[in-house]
Amino acid sequence: MDGMDAASAQPSRDLSYDPAKEVVQLCQELIRIDTSNYGTDDGPGERKAAEYVAGLLDEVGIDSQVIEGQPGRANVVARWGGGDGRAPLLLHGHLDVVPAEASDWRVDPFSGEVEDGQVWGRGAVDMKDFDAMLLSVVRARAAAGAAPDREVVLCFTADEEAGGGHGAKLLVEQHADLLADCTEAVGEVGGFSATVRGRRVYLIEAAEKGMAWMRLTARGRAGHGSMINADNAVTRLAGAVGRIGAHQWPVRLTPTMEVLLATIGELAGTEATPDNAEALVEEFGDAAKMIGAVIRNTANPTMLKAGYKTNVIPTDAHATIDGRFLPGYEDEFFATLHELAGDGIEFDFESKQDPWETPYDGDLVAAMTRSLMAEDPEALVAPFLMSGGTDAKHFRKLDMRSYGFAPLRLPADLDFTALFHGVDERVPVDALEFGARVFDRFLDDI
């Protein structure tokens, strides 16, 4: 899609409200509500944040529901706008964050402090920034009587950081009536910029890898550590883990990544192929850590457990593997894993979620592109495949086309991808305000 043509197609308008007026304050206030998710029910939960969001919507006349599957694990769902007869669009963000150890941080991770032109705190990029953008735009438009022509479902979820069992999964399985008429969904991790050869490239999420959190078990013959034992569970497991961890997975390009690398190839003056895919990924600089993980399957050993005493060979040994597999390559992934593990290794799943890929076409993609180009006309826009997982994995079970679009114009020297779940997580104030303006244009165009 030609960027300049897309920008010129954006309708001009007299902006009678400021969609970015509250975005920084809302981001700060959301960060100050500790919603740490420890993967258990021992944390603070999302109820306080959900009540805060529901109150903000109520102030501008938008009714919402707070839904809990378990006390304290709260979700917010609301409907707004509409009237043109089209199916609603789901706009979703999660309220929980991963934990943070305050002693590791330059600032208190739950302070929401503004320093060096950035909002600091846990959730600043994952994903209270997008929650704040969405709320700022919706509140400004609702107060000005500028609801979108297409109805939108606003959904703020619990528990995304632990798989969504109390959040998106709960809503899909037990409250599908609130969402089932939505045909498209827009959520997190997309629309942010990376700088390649001096050009900003905005990456819209159009696919996600599948996830397989696996527990490997080896069993053998217990015995004294001083004796010969050819049936040692620890030895068998260690060999399997070593082979899996050292395996060099081949490059596999999905349709989404073919489009992205073709875009980068044009900037680099070369045609993108599987043979030069890794070189093109390196054009992303710091972001290559994330982009490089989505041109191949990955399987990383993460935990080991065996035995209880130095001189006792145990009966069994265990390891966990974080596996991520590309859309269309699930069979190859699991066949390779079993081959690498060898005989005598049992596989069990702690969690298994399918990959997904949405075609990068249609009116919604055009609207996202136009809204970005209207605010940054010299930029490029392309799809990418996300290495991690989002709530989209659950919402897609209701047959929605899904994208990640939380627009941020970022400095070229900011290692943005390292901030996800990282120490000193932060987002530039200018990027938040840019995102609110872009998302406001997007709502005009959907």
Protein backbone atom coordinates (compact mmCIF):
# COMPACT_ATOMS: atom_id res chain seq x y z
CA MET A 1 0.00 0.00 0.00
CA ASP A 2 1.45 3.38 -0.97
CA GLY A 3 1.93 5.42 2.20
CA MET A 4 1.44 8.88 0.70
CA ASP A 5 -1.78 7.86 -1.06
CA ALA A 6 -3.06 6.41 2.19
CA ALA A 7 -2.26 9.62 4.04
CA SER A 8 -3.96 11.82 1.48
CA ALA A 9 -7.12 9.71 1.75
CA GLN A 10 -7.49 10.66 5.42
CA PRO A 11 -10.43 13.10 5.70
CA SER A 12 -9.66 16.58 7.00
CA ARG A 13 -11.62 17.70 10.05
CA ASP A 14 -12.02 20.42 12.62
CA LEU A 15 -10.80 18.81 15.85
CA SER A 16 -13.02 20.28 18.59
CA TYR A 17 -11.53 18.13 21.34
CA ASP A 18 -8.07 16.93 22.34
CA PRO A 19 -7.82 13.12 22.25
CA ALA A 20 -4.44 13.25 24.00
CA LYS A 21 -5.49 15.60 26.79
CA GLU A 22 -5.62 12.96 29.51
CA VAL A 23 -3.42 10.21 28.15
CA VAL A 24 -0.34 10.87 30.30
CA GLN A 25 -2.33 11.34 33.50
CA LEU A 26 -4.39 8.20 32.84
CA CYS A 27 -1.26 6.17 32.15
CA GLN A 28 0.28 7.38 35.41
CA GLU A 29 -2.84 6.60 37.42
CA LEU A 30 -3.18 3.12 35.94
CA ILE A 31 0.47 2.35 36.73
CA ARG A 32 -0.09 3.44 40.34
CA ILE A 33 -2.74 0.74 40.73
CA ASP A 34 -0.68 -2.38 41.44
CA THR A 35 -2.17 -5.22 39.38
CA SER A 36 0.82 -7.57 39.57
CA ASN A 37 0.02 -11.04 38.29
CA TYR A 38 2.11 -13.78 39.91
CA GLY A 39 0.44 -16.58 38.00
CA THR A 40 -1.51 -17.47 41.14
CA ASP A 41 -4.34 -15.80 42.99
CA ASP A 42 -2.04 -14.36 45.65
CA GLY A 43 -1.59 -10.99 43.98
CA PRO A 44 -3.68 -7.82 44.30
CA GLY A 45 -5.93 -8.71 41.35
CA GLU A 46 -7.46 -6.28 38.88
CA ARG A 47 -10.62 -5.22 40.73
CA LYS A 48 -9.34 -1.78 41.75
CA ALA A 49 -8.18 -1.01 38.22
CA ALA A 50 -11.44 -2.32 36.74
CA GLU A 51 -13.47 -0.06 39.03
CA TYR A 52 -11.26 2.87 38.05
CA VAL A 53 -11.84 2.17 34.34
CA ALA A 54 -15.60 1.69 34.83
CA GLY A 55 -15.73 4.99 36.71
CA LEU A 56 -13.94 6.82 33.90
CA LEU A 57 -16.41 5.47 31.37
CA ASP A 58 -19.38 6.27 33.58
CA GLU A 59 -18.23 9.90 33.87
CA VAL A 60 -18.78 10.36 30.13
CA GLY A 61 -22.04 8.44 29.96
CA ILE A 62 -20.79 5.00 28.89
CA ASP A 63 -22.32 2.13 30.84
CA SER A 64 -20.11 -0.86 31.55
CA GLN A 65 -20.15 -4.22 33.27
CA VAL A 66 -17.52 -5.43 35.73
CA ILE A 67 -17.27 -9.22 35.40
CA GLU A 68 -15.41 -11.51 37.78
CA GLY A 69 -14.89 -15.22 37.49
CA GLN A 70 -13.21 -15.18 40.86
CA PRO A 71 -13.20 -12.46 43.54
CA GLY A 72 -10.75 -9.71 42.66
CA ARG A 73 -10.03 -10.91 39.10
CA ALA A 74 -12.13 -8.34 37.28
CA ASN A 75 -12.86 -7.48 33.65
CA VAL A 76 -14.70 -4.47 32.19
CA VAL A 77 -16.93 -4.64 29.10
CA ALA A 78 -18.82 -1.73 27.53
CA ARG A 79 -20.48 -0.83 24.22
CA TRP A 80 -20.28 2.57 22.60
CA GLY A 81 -21.17 4.28 19.35
CA GLY A 82 -22.70 2.61 16.33
CA GLY A 83 -25.79 3.07 14.26
CA ASP A 84 -24.52 2.29 10.76
CA GLY A 85 -25.50 -1.38 10.94
CA ARG A 86 -22.03 -2.88 10.71
CA ALA A 87 -20.81 -5.57 13.07
CA PRO A 88 -19.03 -4.16 16.13
CA LEU A 89 -15.26 -3.84 16.47
CA LEU A 90 -13.67 -5.20 19.65
CA LEU A 91 -11.02 -2.94 21.23
CA HIS A 92 -9.26 -4.79 24.03
CA GLY A 93 -6.48 -4.23 26.54
CA HIS A 94 -5.44 -6.02 29.71
CA LEU A 95 -5.19 -4.52 33.18
CA ASP A 96 -2.70 -6.89 34.82
CA VAL A 97 1.08 -6.55 34.73
CA VAL A 98 4.00 -8.84 35.50
CA PRO A 99 5.62 -8.33 38.93
CA ALA A 100 8.47 -5.88 39.48
CA GLU A 101 11.26 -5.90 42.08
CA ALA A 102 11.54 -2.29 43.24
CA SER A 103 15.20 -2.59 44.26
CA ASP A 104 16.16 -3.26 40.63
CA TRP A 105 14.52 -0.10 39.32
CA ARG A 106 15.75 3.47 38.94
CA VAL A 107 12.32 4.67 40.11
CA ASP A 108 9.50 3.05 42.07
CA PRO A 109 7.88 0.73 39.48
CA PHE A 110 4.40 1.71 40.69
CA SER A 111 4.99 5.47 40.89
CA GLY A 112 4.01 6.43 37.35
CA GLU A 113 6.70 9.07 37.61
CA VAL A 114 7.47 11.35 34.65
CA GLU A 115 11.21 11.74 34.21
CA ASP A 116 13.31 12.58 31.14
CA GLY A 117 10.14 13.05 29.11
CA GLN A 118 8.96 9.50 29.81
CA VAL A 119 6.35 7.84 32.01
CA TRP A 120 8.06 5.18 34.13
CA GLY A 121 6.51 2.14 35.75
CA ARG A 122 5.40 -1.43 35.42
CA GLY A 123 2.87 -1.57 32.61
CA ALA A 124 4.11 1.56 30.83
CA VAL A 125 4.50 -0.47 27.63
CA ASP A 126 2.67 -3.68 28.57
CA MET A 127 0.03 -2.44 28.39
CA LYS A 128 -1.33 0.39 30.46
CA ASP A 129 -0.07 2.77 27.78
CA PHE A 130 -2.67 1.45 25.34
CA ASP A 131 -5.36 1.33 28.03
CA ALA A 132 -4.62 5.01 28.67
CA MET A 133 -4.70 5.88 24.96
CA LEU A 134 -8.00 4.14 24.48
CA LEU A 135 -9.58 5.72 27.54
CA SER A 136 -8.28 9.21 26.69
CA VAL A 137 -9.66 9.04 23.15
CA VAL A 138 -12.99 7.52 24.17
CA ARG A 139 -13.54 10.01 26.99
CA ALA A 140 -12.68 13.01 24.81
CA ARG A 141 -14.95 11.86 21.99
CA ALA A 142 -17.81 10.89 24.30
CA ALA A 143 -17.68 14.27 26.05
CA ALA A 144 -17.73 15.99 22.64
CA GLY A 145 -20.57 13.82 21.30
CA ALA A 146 -18.28 12.28 18.69
CA ALA A 147 -19.02 8.58 19.02
CA PRO A 148 -17.82 6.49 16.05
CA ASP A 149 -20.35 5.45 13.41
CA ARG A 150 -19.37 1.83 13.89
CA GLU A 151 -20.22 0.33 17.26
CA VAL A 152 -17.20 -0.67 19.35
CA VAL A 153 -16.96 -3.05 22.29
CA LEU A 154 -14.48 -1.82 24.88
CA CYS A 155 -12.93 -4.67 26.84
CA PHE A 156 -10.36 -4.40 29.63
CA THR A 157 -9.30 -7.82 30.83
CA ALA A 158 -7.73 -9.58 33.78
CA ASP A 159 -5.01 -12.21 33.80
CA GLU A 160 -3.50 -11.81 30.33
CA GLU A 161 -0.01 -12.21 31.76
CA ALA A 162 -0.85 -15.71 33.03
CA GLY A 163 -2.78 -16.97 30.02
CA GLY A 164 -6.14 -15.21 30.42
CA GLY A 165 -7.98 -17.82 32.46
CA HIS A 166 -9.66 -15.16 34.59
CA GLY A 167 -9.90 -12.74 31.66
CA ALA A 168 -10.30 -13.22 27.91
CA LYS A 169 -10.70 -16.98 28.20
CA LEU A 170 -13.43 -16.53 30.84
CA LEU A 171 -15.25 -13.97 28.69
CA VAL A 172 -15.12 -16.16 25.58
CA GLU A 173 -16.27 -19.29 27.38
CA GLN A 174 -18.83 -17.87 29.82
CA HIS A 175 -19.88 -14.46 28.45
CA ALA A 176 -19.63 -14.89 24.69
CA ASP A 177 -22.95 -13.10 24.25
CA LEU A 178 -21.15 -9.82 25.05
CA LEU A 179 -18.65 -10.28 22.22
CA ALA A 180 -19.95 -12.79 19.71
CA ASP A 181 -21.25 -10.23 17.20
CA CYS A 182 -17.79 -8.64 16.83
CA THR A 183 -16.11 -9.60 13.57
CA GLU A 184 -12.77 -7.83 14.10
CA ALA A 185 -10.56 -7.11 17.09
CA VAL A 186 -7.72 -4.68 17.83
CA GLY A 187 -5.45 -5.05 20.85
CA GLU A 188 -1.86 -4.71 22.02
CA VAL A 189 1.66 -5.04 20.63
CA GLY A 190 1.53 -3.36 17.28
CA GLY A 191 1.66 0.07 15.70
CA PHE A 192 4.96 0.98 17.38
CA SER A 193 7.82 2.28 15.28
CA ALA A 194 11.25 0.86 14.58
CA THR A 195 13.85 2.88 12.70
CA VAL A 196 15.49 1.17 9.73
CA ARG A 197 18.03 3.07 7.63
CA GLY A 198 16.67 6.35 8.90
CA ARG A 199 13.02 5.54 8.13
CA ARG A 200 10.38 4.85 10.75
CA VAL A 201 8.58 1.57 10.07
CA TYR A 202 5.37 1.04 12.04
CA LEU A 203 4.74 -2.63 12.78
CA ILE A 204 1.14 -3.82 12.94
CA GLU A 205 0.69 -7.20 14.56
CA ALA A 206 -1.06 -9.58 12.16
CA ALA A 207 0.05 -12.94 13.57
CA GLU A 208 1.30 -14.68 16.71
CA LYS A 209 3.35 -17.77 17.32
CA GLY A 210 1.74 -20.66 19.09
CA MET A 211 2.84 -21.47 22.61
CA ALA A 212 3.77 -24.81 24.13
CA TRP A 213 4.92 -24.77 27.74
CA MET A 214 6.11 -28.33 28.19
CA ARG A 215 7.27 -30.49 31.07
CA LEU A 216 9.78 -33.15 30.09
CA THR A 217 10.24 -36.18 32.32
CA ALA A 218 12.90 -38.86 32.22
CA ARG A 219 12.61 -41.99 34.36
CA GLY A 220 15.34 -44.43 35.28
CA ARG A 221 16.65 -46.75 37.95
CA ALA A 222 17.37 -45.26 41.36
CA GLY A 223 20.60 -46.19 43.05
CA HIS A 224 23.73 -45.22 44.95
CA GLY A 225 25.72 -42.40 43.42
CA SER A 226 28.97 -44.34 43.77
CA MET A 227 27.91 -47.19 41.50
CA ILE A 228 27.68 -47.62 37.73
CA ASN A 229 24.16 -46.88 36.50
CA ALA A 230 23.37 -47.03 32.79
CA ASP A 231 19.74 -46.07 33.41
CA ASN A 232 20.26 -42.62 34.95
CA ALA A 233 17.23 -40.31 34.56
CA VAL A 234 19.30 -37.17 35.07
CA THR A 235 21.74 -38.12 32.32
CA ARG A 236 18.93 -38.94 29.91
CA LEU A 237 17.10 -35.68 30.65
CA ALA A 238 20.25 -33.56 30.48
CA GLY A 239 21.03 -34.94 27.05
CA ALA A 240 17.54 -34.16 25.79
CA VAL A 241 17.59 -30.64 27.21
CA GLY A 242 21.05 -29.99 25.78
CA ARG A 243 20.03 -31.09 22.29
CA ILE A 244 16.83 -29.05 22.34
CA GLY A 245 18.53 -25.94 23.69
CA ALA A 246 21.35 -26.08 21.13
CA HIS A 247 19.21 -26.85 18.10
CA GLN A 248 19.41 -24.32 15.26
CA TRP A 249 15.87 -24.06 13.92
CA PRO A 250 15.63 -23.32 10.18
CA VAL A 251 14.23 -20.07 8.81
CA ARG A 252 10.55 -20.33 7.94
CA LEU A 253 8.75 -17.27 6.51
CA THR A 254 5.00 -16.94 6.98
CA PRO A 255 2.98 -14.59 4.73
CA THR A 256 3.14 -11.83 7.37
CA MET A 257 6.92 -11.92 7.58
CA GLU A 258 7.28 -12.13 3.82
CA VAL A 259 5.51 -8.77 3.59
CA LEU A 260 7.59 -7.20 6.38
CA LEU A 261 10.92 -8.40 5.03
CA ALA A 262 9.97 -7.33 1.51
CA THR A 263 9.43 -3.83 2.91
CA ILE A 264 12.84 -3.87 4.61
CA GLY A 265 14.39 -5.36 1.49
CA GLU A 266 13.23 -2.36 -0.53
CA LEU A 267 14.94 -0.04 1.96
CA ALA A 268 18.11 -2.15 1.79
CA GLY A 269 18.02 -2.38 -1.99
CA THR A 270 17.63 -6.14 -2.17
CA GLU A 271 14.97 -8.76 -2.68
CA ALA A 272 13.93 -10.55 0.50
CA THR A 273 14.49 -14.32 0.50
CA PRO A 274 14.81 -16.99 3.21
CA ASP A 275 18.57 -16.92 2.58
CA ASN A 276 18.96 -13.24 3.50
CA ALA A 277 16.13 -13.07 6.05
CA GLU A 278 18.50 -13.01 9.01
CA ALA A 279 20.53 -10.17 7.49
CA LEU A 280 17.35 -8.16 6.90
CA VAL A 281 16.23 -8.78 10.49
CA GLU A 282 19.52 -7.27 11.69
CA GLU A 283 18.44 -4.00 10.03
CA PHE A 284 16.07 -3.56 13.00
CA GLY A 285 18.94 -3.04 15.43
CA ASP A 286 17.87 -3.68 19.02
CA ALA A 287 14.45 -4.90 17.85
CA ALA A 288 16.14 -7.77 16.00
CA LYS A 289 15.97 -9.79 19.25
CA MET A 290 12.21 -9.96 18.87
CA ILE A 291 11.93 -9.97 15.08
CA GLY A 292 14.59 -12.68 14.81
CA ALA A 293 12.43 -15.00 16.93
CA VAL A 294 9.57 -14.95 14.42
CA ILE A 295 11.37 -16.26 11.36
CA ARG A 296 11.82 -19.66 13.01
CA ASN A 297 10.38 -21.90 15.70
CA THR A 298 12.06 -21.66 19.12
CA ALA A 299 12.35 -23.92 22.15
CA ASN A 300 14.17 -22.68 25.24
CA PRO A 301 14.83 -24.79 28.35
CA THR A 302 13.81 -22.77 31.41
CA MET A 303 13.83 -25.00 34.52
CA LEU A 304 15.44 -28.23 35.77
CA LYS A 305 14.54 -30.37 38.77
CA ALA A 306 15.90 -33.72 39.90
CA GLY A 307 17.03 -35.60 42.98
CA TYR A 308 17.23 -34.82 46.67
CA LYS A 309 20.74 -35.91 47.75
CA THR A 310 24.17 -35.88 46.13
CA ASN A 311 24.85 -39.58 46.54
CA VAL A 312 21.42 -40.79 45.42
CA ILE A 313 20.61 -41.30 41.73
CA PRO A 314 16.92 -40.33 41.49
CA THR A 315 14.13 -42.26 39.82
CA ASP A 316 13.02 -39.32 37.72
CA ALA A 317 14.15 -35.91 36.46
CA HIS A 318 12.15 -33.02 35.09
CA ALA A 319 12.66 -29.98 32.85
CA THR A 320 10.44 -27.27 31.43
CA ILE A 321 10.66 -25.97 27.87
CA ASP A 322 9.13 -22.75 26.55
CA GLY A 323 8.28 -23.62 22.96
CA ARG A 324 6.95 -21.15 20.39
CA PHE A 325 5.91 -22.30 16.93
CA LEU A 326 5.00 -20.46 13.74
CA PRO A 327 1.58 -20.58 12.07
CA GLY A 328 1.62 -23.50 9.66
CA TYR A 329 4.66 -25.18 11.22
CA GLU A 330 3.19 -26.90 14.28
CA ASP A 331 3.71 -30.45 12.97
CA GLU A 332 7.33 -29.76 12.08
CA PHE A 333 7.93 -28.21 15.50
CA PHE A 334 6.66 -31.13 17.56
CA ALA A 335 8.20 -33.79 15.34
CA THR A 336 11.59 -32.09 15.70
CA LEU A 337 11.23 -31.80 19.46
CA HIS A 338 10.50 -35.48 19.89
CA GLU A 339 13.39 -36.40 17.61
CA LEU A 340 15.78 -34.18 19.58
CA ALA A 341 14.57 -35.50 22.93
CA GLY A 342 15.13 -39.11 21.96
CA ASP A 343 13.74 -42.24 23.57
CA GLY A 344 12.56 -42.35 27.14
CA ILE A 345 11.38 -38.74 27.45
CA GLU A 346 7.77 -38.03 28.35
CA PHE A 347 6.09 -34.78 27.24
CA ASP A 348 3.25 -33.06 29.14
CA PHE A 349 1.78 -29.64 28.48
CA GLU A 350 1.47 -26.96 31.13
CA SER A 351 -0.16 -24.78 28.48
CA LYS A 352 -0.69 -25.12 24.74
CA GLN A 353 -2.14 -22.34 22.60
CA ASP A 354 -2.50 -22.25 18.84
CA PRO A 355 -0.76 -19.75 16.59
CA TRP A 356 -2.78 -17.42 14.40
CA GLU A 357 -2.33 -15.27 11.33
CA THR A 358 -4.77 -12.73 9.89
CA PRO A 359 -4.45 -11.65 6.25
CA TYR A 360 -2.93 -8.19 6.03
CA ASP A 361 -5.66 -6.64 3.94
CA GLY A 362 -9.12 -5.11 4.13
CA ASP A 363 -10.71 -1.91 5.43
CA LEU A 364 -9.36 -2.18 8.97
CA VAL A 365 -5.75 -2.45 7.79
CA ALA A 366 -6.33 0.51 5.47
CA ALA A 367 -7.74 2.54 8.38
CA MET A 368 -4.75 1.76 10.59
CA THR A 369 -2.36 2.71 7.80
CA ARG A 370 -4.14 5.97 7.00
CA SER A 371 -4.28 7.02 10.65
CA LEU A 372 -0.53 6.48 11.08
CA MET A 373 0.38 8.17 7.81
CA ALA A 374 -1.73 11.20 8.64
CA GLU A 375 0.44 11.83 11.72
CA ASP A 376 3.76 10.65 10.24
CA PRO A 377 3.59 10.99 6.43
CA GLU A 378 7.17 9.89 5.70
CA ALA A 379 6.88 6.59 7.55
CA LEU A 380 6.30 3.06 6.30
CA VAL A 381 3.67 0.65 7.65
CA ALA A 382 4.00 -3.14 7.54
CA PRO A 383 2.75 -6.24 9.39
CA PHE A 384 4.77 -8.37 11.79
CA LEU A 385 4.44 -11.64 13.62
CA MET A 386 4.54 -11.49 17.43
CA SER A 387 6.82 -13.89 19.31
CA GLY A 388 4.73 -13.84 22.48
CA GLY A 389 1.02 -14.23 23.07
CA THR A 390 -1.89 -11.88 23.72
CA ASP A 391 -5.59 -12.09 24.50
CA ALA A 392 -6.18 -12.29 20.74
CA LYS A 393 -5.62 -16.05 21.00
CA HIS A 394 -8.86 -16.31 22.97
CA PHE A 395 -10.96 -13.72 21.15
CA ARG A 396 -10.17 -15.33 17.80
CA LYS A 397 -12.11 -18.38 18.96
CA LEU A 398 -15.19 -16.25 18.24
CA ASP A 399 -14.08 -15.94 14.57
CA MET A 400 -12.68 -12.42 14.76
CA ARG A 401 -9.97 -11.07 12.48
CA SER A 402 -7.34 -9.78 14.91
CA TYR A 403 -4.60 -7.16 14.85
CA GLY A 404 -2.29 -5.48 17.33
CA PHE A 405 -2.37 -1.70 17.03
CA ALA A 406 -1.17 0.40 19.97
CA PRO A 407 0.53 3.19 17.98
CA LEU A 408 3.72 4.74 19.36
CA ARG A 409 6.23 6.96 17.55
CA LEU A 410 9.48 6.03 19.27
CA PRO A 411 12.99 7.52 19.33
CA ALA A 412 15.43 5.61 17.15
CA ASP A 413 17.78 5.01 20.10
CA LEU A 414 15.17 3.53 22.46
CA ASP A 415 15.48 -0.25 22.86
CA PHE A 416 11.71 -0.58 23.09
CA THR A 417 11.38 -4.35 22.83
CA ALA A 418 13.69 -4.80 25.84
CA LEU A 419 11.21 -2.87 28.00
CA PHE A 420 8.49 -5.55 27.78
CA HIS A 421 8.62 -7.19 31.23
CA GLY A 422 11.97 -5.45 31.74
CA VAL A 423 13.49 -3.30 34.47
CA ASP A 424 12.87 0.47 34.14
CA GLU A 425 9.89 -0.01 31.83
CA ARG A 426 8.90 3.38 30.42
CA VAL A 427 7.16 5.07 27.52
CA PRO A 428 7.89 8.54 26.06
CA VAL A 429 5.24 11.18 26.75
CA ASP A 430 5.42 12.25 23.10
CA ALA A 431 4.73 8.65 22.02
CA LEU A 432 1.64 8.43 24.24
CA GLU A 433 0.24 11.67 22.85
CA PHE A 434 1.04 10.59 19.30
CA GLY A 435 -0.73 7.29 19.91
CA ALA A 436 -3.86 8.98 21.18
CA ARG A 437 -4.02 11.23 18.11
CA VAL A 438 -3.52 8.27 15.77
CA PHE A 439 -6.13 6.16 17.51
CA ASP A 440 -8.59 9.03 17.38
CA ARG A 441 -8.12 9.22 13.61
CA PHE A 442 -8.51 5.45 13.45
CA LEU A 443 -11.92 5.65 15.13
CA ASP A 444 -12.95 8.27 12.56
CA ASP A 445 -12.05 5.86 9.79
CA ILE A 446 -13.31 2.46 10.92
